[in-house]
C-alpha atoms as a PDB file:
ATOM      1  CA  MET A   1     129.925  39.158-195.397  1.00  0.00           C
ATOM      2  CA  THR A   2     131.680  38.346-191.867  1.00  0.00           C
ATOM      3  CA  VAL A   3     130.019  34.793-192.243  1.00  0.00           C
ATOM      4  CA  LEU A   4     131.270  34.257-195.812  1.00  0.00           C
ATOM      5  CA  ARG A   5     134.518  34.469-194.940  1.00  0.00           C
ATOM      6  CA  PHE A   6     134.840  31.911-192.431  1.00  0.00           C
ATOM      7  CA  LEU A   7     132.793  29.548-194.010  1.00  0.00           C
ATOM      8  CA  PRO A   8     136.266  28.077-195.748  1.00  0.00           C
ATOM      9  CA  VAL A   9     137.474  27.738-192.698  1.00  0.00           C
ATOM     10  CA  THR A  10     135.106  25.836-191.306  1.00  0.00           C
ATOM     11  CA  LEU A  11     134.480  23.842-194.836  1.00  0.00           C
ATOM     12  CA  ALA A  12     138.489  22.647-194.639  1.00  0.00           C
ATOM     13  CA  ALA A  13     138.274  21.821-190.837  1.00  0.00           C
ATOM     14  CA  CYS A  14     134.979  19.653-192.074  1.00  0.00           C
ATOM     15  CA  ALA A  15     137.507  17.992-194.681  1.00  0.00           C
ATOM     16  CA  ALA A  16     140.583  17.959-192.672  1.00  0.00           C
ATOM     17  CA  PHE A  17     137.801  15.828-190.495  1.00  0.00           C
ATOM     18  CA  ALA A  18     136.187  13.384-192.854  1.00  0.00           C
ATOM     19  CA  GLN A  19     140.311  12.738-194.213  1.00  0.00           C
ATOM     20  CA  SER A  20     141.478  11.541-190.486  1.00  0.00           C
ATOM     21  CA  ALA A  21     138.456  10.025-189.785  1.00  0.00           C
ATOM     22  CA  ALA A  22     140.030   5.922-189.626  1.00  0.00           C
ATOM     23  CA  PRO A  23     138.157   3.065-190.494  1.00  0.00           C
ATOM     24  CA  PRO A  24     136.897   0.459-188.165  1.00  0.00           C
ATOM     25  CA  LEU A  25     139.044  -1.801-186.930  1.00  0.00           C
ATOM     26  CA  GLU A  26     138.412  -5.276-188.660  1.00  0.00           C
ATOM     27  CA  PHE A  27     139.645  -8.712-188.550  1.00  0.00           C
ATOM     28  CA  GLU A  28     141.049  -9.907-192.126  1.00  0.00           C
ATOM     29  CA  VAL A  29     138.953 -12.984-191.684  1.00  0.00           C
ATOM     30  CA  ALA A  30     137.139 -14.487-189.605  1.00  0.00           C
ATOM     31  CA  SER A  31     135.112 -18.021-188.401  1.00  0.00           C
ATOM     32  CA  ILE A  32     132.045 -18.453-186.465  1.00  0.00           C
ATOM     33  CA  LYS A  33     130.667 -22.122-185.626  1.00  0.00           C
ATOM     34  CA  SER A  34     128.099 -23.050-183.316  1.00  0.00           C
ATOM     35  CA  SER A  35     130.110 -24.628-180.030  1.00  0.00           C
ATOM     36  CA  PRO A  36     129.189 -28.284-179.269  1.00  0.00           C
ATOM     37  CA  PRO A  37     126.776 -28.709-176.641  1.00  0.00           C
ATOM     38  CA  ILE A  38     127.993 -28.116-173.017  1.00  0.00           C
ATOM     39  CA  THR A  39     128.985 -30.959-170.822  1.00  0.00           C
ATOM     40  CA  ASP A  40     129.756 -31.994-167.159  1.00  0.00           C
ATOM     41  CA  ASN A  41     133.563 -30.348-168.184  1.00  0.00           C
ATOM     42  CA  VAL A  42     133.102 -26.980-169.179  1.00  0.00           C
ATOM     43  CA  HIS A  43     136.050 -25.800-171.482  1.00  0.00           C
ATOM     44  CA  ILE A  44     136.220 -21.893-172.518  1.00  0.00           C
ATOM     45  CA  GLY A  45     138.475 -19.632-173.517  1.00  0.00           C
ATOM     46  CA  MET A  46     140.314 -16.887-175.131  1.00  0.00           C
ATOM     47  CA  ARG A  47     143.862 -17.171-176.806  1.00  0.00           C
ATOM     48  CA  ILE A  48     145.713 -15.219-179.323  1.00  0.00           C
ATOM     49  CA  ASP A  49     148.728 -17.179-181.107  1.00  0.00           C
ATOM     50  CA  GLY A  50     150.558 -14.638-183.608  1.00  0.00           C
ATOM     51  CA  ALA A  51     148.327 -13.153-185.604  1.00  0.00           C
ATOM     52  CA  GLN A  52     144.951 -15.861-185.070  1.00  0.00           C
ATOM     53  CA  VAL A  53     142.744 -14.841-182.546  1.00  0.00           C
ATOM     54  CA  TYR A  54     140.571 -18.036-181.291  1.00  0.00           C
ATOM     55  CA  PHE A  55     137.604 -17.765-178.809  1.00  0.00           C
ATOM     56  CA  THR A  56     136.190 -21.173-177.413  1.00  0.00           C
ATOM     57  CA  ALA A  57     132.458 -22.002-175.933  1.00  0.00           C
ATOM     58  CA  PHE A  58     131.171 -18.193-175.407  1.00  0.00           C
ATOM     59  CA  ALA A  59     127.809 -16.984-175.148  1.00  0.00           C
ATOM     60  CA  LEU A  60     127.199 -13.809-177.714  1.00  0.00           C
ATOM     61  CA  LYS A  61     126.512 -11.900-174.352  1.00  0.00           C
ATOM     62  CA  ASP A  62     130.574 -12.586-173.413  1.00  0.00           C
ATOM     63  CA  TYR A  63     131.591 -11.658-176.581  1.00  0.00           C
ATOM     64  CA  ILE A  64     129.558  -8.194-176.279  1.00  0.00           C
ATOM     65  CA  ARG A  65     130.432  -8.041-172.911  1.00  0.00           C
ATOM     66  CA  ILE A  66     134.272  -8.140-174.294  1.00  0.00           C
ATOM     67  CA  ALA A  67     133.756  -6.250-177.677  1.00  0.00           C
ATOM     68  CA  TYR A  68     133.273  -3.541-175.583  1.00  0.00           C
ATOM     69  CA  ARG A  69     134.583  -3.611-172.309  1.00  0.00           C
ATOM     70  CA  VAL A  70     131.682  -4.099-169.784  1.00  0.00           C
ATOM     71  CA  LYS A  71     130.980  -6.592-166.829  1.00  0.00           C
ATOM     72  CA  ASP A  72     128.068  -9.010-167.487  1.00  0.00           C
ATOM     73  CA  TYR A  73     125.700  -7.595-165.325  1.00  0.00           C
ATOM     74  CA  GLN A  74     126.167  -4.368-167.969  1.00  0.00           C
ATOM     75  CA  VAL A  75     124.199  -6.052-170.306  1.00  0.00           C
ATOM     76  CA  GLU A  76     120.994  -6.597-170.590  1.00  0.00           C
ATOM     77  CA  SER A  77     119.535  -9.027-174.008  1.00  0.00           C
ATOM     78  CA  PRO A  78     116.997 -11.855-174.848  1.00  0.00           C
ATOM     79  CA  ASP A  79     117.696 -14.854-172.709  1.00  0.00           C
ATOM     80  CA  TRP A  80     118.933 -16.628-176.187  1.00  0.00           C
ATOM     81  CA  VAL A  81     121.879 -14.215-176.598  1.00  0.00           C
ATOM     82  CA  ALA A  82     123.107 -15.622-172.951  1.00  0.00           C
ATOM     83  CA  SER A  83     122.560 -19.293-173.622  1.00  0.00           C
ATOM     84  CA  GLU A  84     123.814 -19.692-177.181  1.00  0.00           C
ATOM     85  CA  ARG A  85     127.525 -20.515-177.519  1.00  0.00           C
ATOM     86  CA  PHE A  86     129.583 -19.385-180.352  1.00  0.00           C
ATOM     87  CA  ASP A  87     133.501 -20.829-181.430  1.00  0.00           C
ATOM     88  CA  ILE A  88     135.290 -17.544-183.687  1.00  0.00           C
ATOM     89  CA  ALA A  89     138.880 -18.309-185.028  1.00  0.00           C
ATOM     90  CA  ALA A  90     140.200 -15.055-186.900  1.00  0.00           C
ATOM     91  CA  LYS A  91     142.812 -13.571-188.690  1.00  0.00           C
ATOM     92  CA  LEU A  92     144.426 -10.112-187.438  1.00  0.00           C
ATOM     93  CA  PRO A  93     145.413  -8.039-190.100  1.00  0.00           C
ATOM     94  CA  ALA A  94     148.951  -7.211-190.845  1.00  0.00           C
ATOM     95  CA  GLY A  95     150.035  -4.228-188.492  1.00  0.00           C
ATOM     96  CA  ALA A  96     147.643  -4.567-185.705  1.00  0.00           C
ATOM     97  CA  ALA A  97     148.519  -4.732-182.054  1.00  0.00           C
ATOM     98  CA  ARG A  98     146.814  -7.413-179.919  1.00  0.00           C
ATOM     99  CA  GLU A  99     144.628  -4.415-177.752  1.00  0.00           C
ATOM    100  CA  GLN A 100     142.425  -3.922-180.773  1.00  0.00           C
ATOM    101  CA  VAL A 101     140.888  -7.320-180.717  1.00  0.00           C
ATOM    102  CA  ASN A 102     137.966  -5.785-178.792  1.00  0.00           C
ATOM    103  CA  ASP A 103     137.210  -2.925-181.267  1.00  0.00           C
ATOM    104  CA  MET A 104     137.953  -5.568-184.079  1.00  0.00           C
ATOM    105  CA  LEU A 105     135.127  -7.952-182.459  1.00  0.00           C
ATOM    106  CA  GLN A 106     132.813  -5.081-182.290  1.00  0.00           C
ATOM    107  CA  SER A 107     133.171  -4.657-186.232  1.00  0.00           C
ATOM    108  CA  LEU A 108     132.630  -8.546-186.336  1.00  0.00           C
ATOM    109  CA  LEU A 109     129.272  -8.656-183.799  1.00  0.00           C
ATOM    110  CA  VAL A 110     127.747  -5.594-186.147  1.00  0.00           C
ATOM    111  CA  ASP A 111     128.685  -7.052-189.319  1.00  0.00           C
ATOM    112  CA  ARG A 112     128.111 -11.016-188.764  1.00  0.00           C
ATOM    113  CA  PHE A 113     125.279 -11.052-185.552  1.00  0.00           C
ATOM    114  CA  LYS A 114     123.829  -7.752-187.241  1.00  0.00           C
ATOM    115  CA  LEU A 115     123.946  -6.314-183.932  1.00  0.00           C
ATOM    116  CA  THR A 116     122.391  -2.846-182.613  1.00  0.00           C
ATOM    117  CA  PHE A 117     122.173  -2.131-179.597  1.00  0.00           C
ATOM    118  CA  HIS A 118     121.552   1.514-177.357  1.00  0.00           C
ATOM    119  CA  ARG A 119     123.153   2.574-173.960  1.00  0.00           C
ATOM    120  CA  THR A 120     121.622   3.826-170.902  1.00  0.00           C
ATOM    121  CA  LYS A 121     121.794   4.052-167.100  1.00  0.00           C
ATOM    122  CA  LYS A 122     120.656   2.103-164.672  1.00  0.00           C
ATOM    123  CA  GLU A 123     120.675   2.177-160.879  1.00  0.00           C
ATOM    124  CA  PHE A 124     121.843  -1.115-159.484  1.00  0.00           C
ATOM    125  CA  PRO A 125     122.333  -3.337-155.889  1.00  0.00           C
ATOM    126  CA  VAL A 126     125.867  -3.945-155.519  1.00  0.00           C
ATOM    127  CA  TYR A 127     128.316  -4.560-153.121  1.00  0.00           C
ATOM    128  CA  ALA A 128     130.954  -2.145-152.592  1.00  0.00           C
ATOM    129  CA  LEU A 129     135.014  -3.735-152.167  1.00  0.00           C
ATOM    130  CA  VAL A 130     136.320  -1.335-149.588  1.00  0.00           C
ATOM    131  CA  ALA A 131     139.131  -1.815-147.287  1.00  0.00           C
ATOM    132  CA  ALA A 132     138.224  -2.658-143.271  1.00  0.00           C
ATOM    133  CA  LYS A 133     138.915  -0.784-140.445  1.00  0.00           C
ATOM    134  CA  GLY A 134     142.723  -1.183-140.252  1.00  0.00           C
ATOM    135  CA  GLY A 135     142.891  -0.822-143.778  1.00  0.00           C
ATOM    136  CA  ALA A 136     143.922  -3.323-146.585  1.00  0.00           C
ATOM    137  CA  LYS A 137     146.172  -6.914-145.886  1.00  0.00           C
ATOM    138  CA  LEU A 138     147.229  -7.983-148.952  1.00  0.00           C
ATOM    139  CA  LYS A 139     149.939  -9.588-150.105  1.00  0.00           C
ATOM    140  CA  GLU A 140     151.670  -8.028-153.400  1.00  0.00           C
ATOM    141  CA  SER A 141     152.376 -10.281-156.293  1.00  0.00           C
ATOM    142  CA  ASP A 142     155.812 -11.551-157.178  1.00  0.00           C
ATOM    143  CA  LEU A 143     155.894  -9.696-161.006  1.00  0.00           C
ATOM    144  CA  ASP A 144     159.149 -10.399-162.043  1.00  0.00           C
ATOM    145  CA  GLY A 145     160.564  -7.248-162.128  1.00  0.00           C
ATOM    146  CA  MET A 146     157.722  -5.541-163.693  1.00  0.00           C
ATOM    147  CA  SER A 147     155.911  -2.326-162.025  1.00  0.00           C
ATOM    148  CA  ALA A 148     152.118  -2.858-161.625  1.00  0.00           C
ATOM    149  CA  SER A 149     150.736  -0.336-164.282  1.00  0.00           C
ATOM    150  CA  ASP A 150     153.331  -2.075-166.782  1.00  0.00           C
ATOM    151  CA  PHE A 151     151.612  -5.180-165.611  1.00  0.00           C
ATOM    152  CA  ALA A 152     148.291  -4.143-165.961  1.00  0.00           C
ATOM    153  CA  LYS A 153     148.958  -3.428-169.546  1.00  0.00           C
ATOM    154  CA  GLY A 154     149.761  -7.064-170.388  1.00  0.00           C
ATOM    155  CA  PRO A 155     146.816  -8.496-172.851  1.00  0.00           C
ATOM    156  CA  ASP A 156     144.219 -11.071-171.852  1.00  0.00           C
ATOM    157  CA  GLN A 157     144.968 -15.003-172.375  1.00  0.00           C
ATOM    158  CA  VAL A 158     142.018 -16.883-170.741  1.00  0.00           C
ATOM    159  CA  ALA A 159     141.159 -20.519-170.089  1.00  0.00           C
ATOM    160  CA  ALA A 160     138.495 -21.326-168.087  1.00  0.00           C
ATOM    161  CA  SER A 161     137.145 -25.004-167.370  1.00  0.00           C
ATOM    162  CA  GLY A 162     135.431 -26.462-164.777  1.00  0.00           C
ATOM    163  CA  SER A 163     133.426 -29.095-163.043  1.00  0.00           C
ATOM    164  CA  ALA A 164     131.399 -30.256-160.082  1.00  0.00           C
ATOM    165  CA  ALA A 165     134.925 -30.722-158.614  1.00  0.00           C
ATOM    166  CA  GLY A 166     135.578 -26.591-159.014  1.00  0.00           C
ATOM    167  CA  VAL A 167     136.725 -23.639-161.628  1.00  0.00           C
ATOM    168  CA  SER A 168     140.100 -23.369-162.467  1.00  0.00           C
ATOM    169  CA  VAL A 169     140.749 -19.888-164.895  1.00  0.00           C
ATOM    170  CA  ASP A 170     144.179 -19.064-166.422  1.00  0.00           C
ATOM    171  CA  LEU A 171     144.652 -15.333-167.509  1.00  0.00           C
ATOM    172  CA  GLY A 172     148.017 -15.304-168.786  1.00  0.00           C
ATOM    173  CA  ARG A 173     151.070 -14.314-167.540  1.00  0.00           C
ATOM    174  CA  GLY A 174     150.956 -15.704-164.196  1.00  0.00           C
ATOM    175  CA  SER A 175     147.413 -14.571-163.167  1.00  0.00           C
ATOM    176  CA  SER A 176     144.498 -17.168-162.496  1.00  0.00           C
ATOM    177  CA  PHE A 177     142.316 -18.489-160.161  1.00  0.00           C
ATOM    178  CA  THR A 178     141.213 -21.606-158.810  1.00  0.00           C
ATOM    179  CA  PHE A 179     137.555 -22.391-156.840  1.00  0.00           C
ATOM    180  CA  ALA A 180     137.971 -25.710-155.606  1.00  0.00           C
ATOM    181  CA  ASN A 181     137.890 -27.546-151.702  1.00  0.00           C
ATOM    182  CA  ASN A 182     136.729 -24.682-150.044  1.00  0.00           C
ATOM    183  CA  LYS A 183     139.150 -21.910-151.398  1.00  0.00           C
ATOM    184  CA  LEU A 184     139.233 -19.152-153.211  1.00  0.00           C
ATOM    185  CA  GLN A 185     143.042 -18.897-154.782  1.00  0.00           C
ATOM    186  CA  VAL A 186     143.993 -15.719-157.081  1.00  0.00           C
ATOM    187  CA  LYS A 187     147.313 -14.919-157.890  1.00  0.00           C
ATOM    188  CA  ARG A 188     148.301 -11.729-159.648  1.00  0.00           C
ATOM    189  CA  LEU A 189     145.597  -9.414-160.019  1.00  0.00           C
ATOM    190  CA  PRO A 190     144.419  -5.545-158.899  1.00  0.00           C
ATOM    191  CA  THR A 191     141.503  -5.527-157.131  1.00  0.00           C
ATOM    192  CA  GLY A 192     139.638  -4.060-159.674  1.00  0.00           C
ATOM    193  CA  ARG A 193     139.775  -7.564-161.468  1.00  0.00           C
ATOM    194  CA  PHE A 194     139.339  -9.363-157.455  1.00  0.00           C
ATOM    195  CA  THR A 195     135.973  -7.834-158.037  1.00  0.00           C
ATOM    196  CA  ASP A 196     135.130  -9.379-161.277  1.00  0.00           C
ATOM    197  CA  ILE A 197     136.081 -13.297-160.033  1.00  0.00           C
ATOM    198  CA  LEU A 198     134.114 -11.995-156.830  1.00  0.00           C
ATOM    199  CA  ALA A 199     130.770 -10.912-158.538  1.00  0.00           C
ATOM    200  CA  ARG A 200     130.961 -14.625-159.961  1.00  0.00           C
ATOM    201  CA  PHE A 201     129.833 -16.276-156.426  1.00  0.00           C
ATOM    202  CA  VAL A 202     127.836 -13.742-154.478  1.00  0.00           C
ATOM    203  CA  ASP A 203     124.098 -12.600-155.400  1.00  0.00           C
ATOM    204  CA  ARG A 204     124.551  -8.766-156.850  1.00  0.00           C
ATOM    205  CA  PRO A 205     127.641  -6.831-158.696  1.00  0.00           C
ATOM    206  CA  VAL A 206     130.848  -5.986-156.927  1.00  0.00           C
ATOM    207  CA  VAL A 207     132.321  -2.343-157.778  1.00  0.00           C
ATOM    208  CA  ASP A 208     135.908  -2.098-156.179  1.00  0.00           C
ATOM    209  CA  MET A 209     135.954   1.086-154.432  1.00  0.00           C
ATOM    210  CA  THR A 210     139.496   0.267-152.349  1.00  0.00           C
ATOM    211  CA  ASN A 211     141.831   2.847-154.169  1.00  0.00           C
ATOM    212  CA  LEU A 212     144.338   0.306-154.277  1.00  0.00           C
ATOM    213  CA  THR A 213     146.604   0.043-157.377  1.00  0.00           C
ATOM    214  CA  GLY A 214     149.248  -2.878-156.691  1.00  0.00           C
ATOM    215  CA  ILE A 215     148.642  -6.406-157.717  1.00  0.00           C
ATOM    216  CA  TYR A 216     147.802  -9.255-155.500  1.00  0.00           C
ATOM    217  CA  ASP A 217     147.366 -12.913-154.758  1.00  0.00           C
ATOM    218  CA  TYR A 218     144.504 -13.779-152.601  1.00  0.00           C
ATOM    219  CA  ASP A 219     143.703 -16.674-150.430  1.00  0.00           C
ATOM    220  CA  ILE A 220     140.217 -17.330-149.283  1.00  0.00           C
ATOM    221  CA  THR A 221     138.715 -20.599-147.033  1.00  0.00           C
ATOM    222  CA  VAL A 222     134.786 -20.807-146.828  1.00  0.00           C
ATOM    223  CA  THR A 223     132.878 -23.555-144.864  1.00  0.00           C
ATOM    224  CA  PRO A 224     131.383 -26.728-147.413  1.00  0.00           C
ATOM    225  CA  GLU A 225     128.190 -24.763-146.520  1.00  0.00           C
ATOM    226  CA  ASP A 226     129.378 -21.429-148.248  1.00  0.00           C
ATOM    227  CA  TYR A 227     131.233 -23.140-150.980  1.00  0.00           C
ATOM    228  CA  ARG A 228     128.616 -25.037-152.330  1.00  0.00           C
ATOM    229  CA  ALA A 229     126.395 -21.739-152.650  1.00  0.00           C
ATOM    230  CA  MET A 230     129.198 -20.143-154.818  1.00  0.00           C
ATOM    231  CA  LEU A 231     129.952 -23.098-156.751  1.00  0.00           C
ATOM    232  CA  ILE A 232     126.159 -23.209-157.601  1.00  0.00           C
ATOM    233  CA  ARG A 233     125.950 -19.146-158.209  1.00  0.00           C
ATOM    234  CA  SER A 234     129.219 -19.370-160.298  1.00  0.00           C
ATOM    235  CA  ALA A 235     127.861 -22.291-162.608  1.00  0.00           C
ATOM    236  CA  ILE A 236     124.226 -20.126-163.080  1.00  0.00           C
ATOM    237  CA  THR A 237     126.324 -16.716-163.950  1.00  0.00           C
ATOM    238  CA  ALA A 238     127.980 -18.932-166.479  1.00  0.00           C
ATOM    239  CA  GLY A 239     125.300 -20.101-167.886  1.00  0.00           C
ATOM    240  CA  VAL A 240     124.602 -23.509-166.809  1.00  0.00           C
ATOM    241  CA  ALA A 241     120.957 -24.647-166.688  1.00  0.00           C
ATOM    242  CA  LEU A 242     120.445 -26.049-163.130  1.00  0.00           C
ATOM    243  CA  PRO A 243     117.513 -27.603-161.727  1.00  0.00           C
ATOM    244  CA  ALA A 244     115.554 -25.317-159.473  1.00  0.00           C
ATOM    245  CA  GLU A 245     116.288 -26.430-156.305  1.00  0.00           C
ATOM    246  CA  ALA A 246     120.066 -26.126-156.522  1.00  0.00           C
ATOM    247  CA  GLN A 247     119.187 -22.798-157.486  1.00  0.00           C
ATOM    248  CA  ARG A 248     117.469 -22.466-154.629  1.00  0.00           C
ATOM    249  CA  LEU A 249     120.763 -23.318-152.526  1.00  0.00           C
ATOM    250  CA  ALA A 250     122.509 -20.298-154.250  1.00  0.00           C
ATOM    251  CA  MET A 251     119.492 -17.575-153.366  1.00  0.00           C
ATOM    252  CA  VAL A 252     121.446 -16.318-150.159  1.00  0.00           C
ATOM    253  CA  ASP A 253     123.893 -12.965-149.117  1.00  0.00           C
ATOM    254  CA  ILE A 254     127.066 -13.402-148.585  1.00  0.00           C
ATOM    255  CA  GLY A 255     128.267 -16.343-146.314  1.00  0.00           C
ATOM    256  CA  GLU A 256     129.204 -15.894-143.257  1.00  0.00           C
ATOM    257  CA  SER A 257     132.852 -17.658-143.811  1.00  0.00           C
ATOM    258  CA  LEU A 258     133.092 -16.028-147.012  1.00  0.00           C
ATOM    259  CA  ALA A 259     132.620 -12.038-145.177  1.00  0.00           C
ATOM    260  CA  SER A 260     135.661 -13.728-142.287  1.00  0.00           C
ATOM    261  CA  ALA A 261     137.730 -14.578-144.810  1.00  0.00           C
ATOM    262  CA  LEU A 262     137.770 -10.976-147.087  1.00  0.00           C
ATOM    263  CA  GLN A 263     138.162  -9.515-143.236  1.00  0.00           C
ATOM    264  CA  ALA A 264     141.472 -11.036-142.835  1.00  0.00           C
ATOM    265  CA  LEU A 265     142.608  -9.856-145.748  1.00  0.00           C
ATOM    266  CA  GLY A 266     141.387  -6.355-144.729  1.00  0.00           C
ATOM    267  CA  LEU A 267     138.625  -5.742-146.624  1.00  0.00           C
ATOM    268  CA  ARG A 268     134.733  -5.810-146.721  1.00  0.00           C
ATOM    269  CA  LEU A 269     131.592  -5.720-148.605  1.00  0.00           C
ATOM    270  CA  GLU A 270     129.580  -3.166-148.286  1.00  0.00           C
ATOM    271  CA  ALA A 271     125.598  -3.302-149.717  1.00  0.00           C
ATOM    272  CA  ARG A 272     124.710  -0.079-152.093  1.00  0.00           C
ATOM    273  CA  LYS A 273     123.429   1.269-155.147  1.00  0.00           C
ATOM    274  CA  ALA A 274     125.230   2.708-157.514  1.00  0.00           C
ATOM    275  CA  PRO A 275     123.993   3.661-161.352  1.00  0.00           C
ATOM    276  CA  LEU A 276     126.169   1.716-164.141  1.00  0.00           C
ATOM    277  CA  ASP A 277     126.277   2.073-167.582  1.00  0.00           C
ATOM    278  CA  VAL A 278     124.033  -0.450-169.085  1.00  0.00           C
ATOM    279  CA  ILE A 279     124.065  -2.043-172.482  1.00  0.00           C
ATOM    280  CA  VAL A 280     120.342  -2.423-174.557  1.00  0.00           C
ATOM    281  CA  VAL A 281     120.871  -4.912-177.067  1.00  0.00           C
ATOM    282  CA  ASP A 282     118.027  -4.337-179.847  1.00  0.00           C
ATOM    283  CA  HIS A 283     118.530  -6.647-182.371  1.00  0.00           C
ATOM    284  CA  ALA A 284     121.061  -9.836-183.299  1.00  0.00           C
ATOM    285  CA  GLU A 285     121.058 -12.485-185.664  1.00  0.00           C
ATOM    286  CA  HIS A 286     120.193 -16.536-184.244  1.00  0.00           C
ATOM    287  CA  LYS A 287     122.454 -17.097-186.908  1.00  0.00           C
ATOM    288  CA  PRO A 288     125.639 -15.383-187.851  1.00  0.00           C
ATOM    289  CA  THR A 289     126.335 -14.429-191.659  1.00  0.00           C
ATOM    290  CA  GLU A 290     128.458 -17.173-193.760  1.00  0.00           C
ATOM    291  CA  ASN A 291     132.355 -16.973-193.099  1.00  0.00           C
END
């Protein structure tokens, strides 16, 4: 009798849970097209204009990374997933917030690319970004009166271009980075985002272990030799096919000039191993279903 007395309560709780479970967030409509071939000048971007969302020339692996809020090295997939690029134009449903774009992108990938995956953990060789002896010496960004916490909540707007002359990325709201003329200049970013940028130019993932909470500007100058190796590595990270000879130039550890420049900012990179979450792609269609 005791079991029967609790049964209605259990059933009522299950029913309430079923009623409160929200349907998956989805774009109202979305168009997916193969991107034109990449030329010497690469233009990649994401833009939100009112209720319209535009992604340009991202690889499917990039969409997975954006949708599930992970880094590039946390997605394991067949080679084509990182090389075949698509343009997506989508419309947000009425009342949707920009912060929900990632979740809607998840639904789109499952629906149109038939994406399936599983999660696991793997130990990676990483660089830990830490404060050097004496502490960090970073320049706080001018945030136009906003607090660092409020500034960090804003949505991303990404517009990137690159060529043999360098790389330029506009992250919106005054946040940006450029890599040209032997210099890496980063504006208005927390250290956690700065590590994402550093990871483009070194030979392993970079993990933020500084415990810093501000928004900063970073100016780094390297030697022409280190600049060339870093530029090649950034092209490889972006999925650009390069000759084997060029790739060999990038297969080096952190350049001495980069290490010295970080030291001047009160930072350093330490080689470590760390367990990280990984998304393993089990299946994805080469061609998405019709618009």
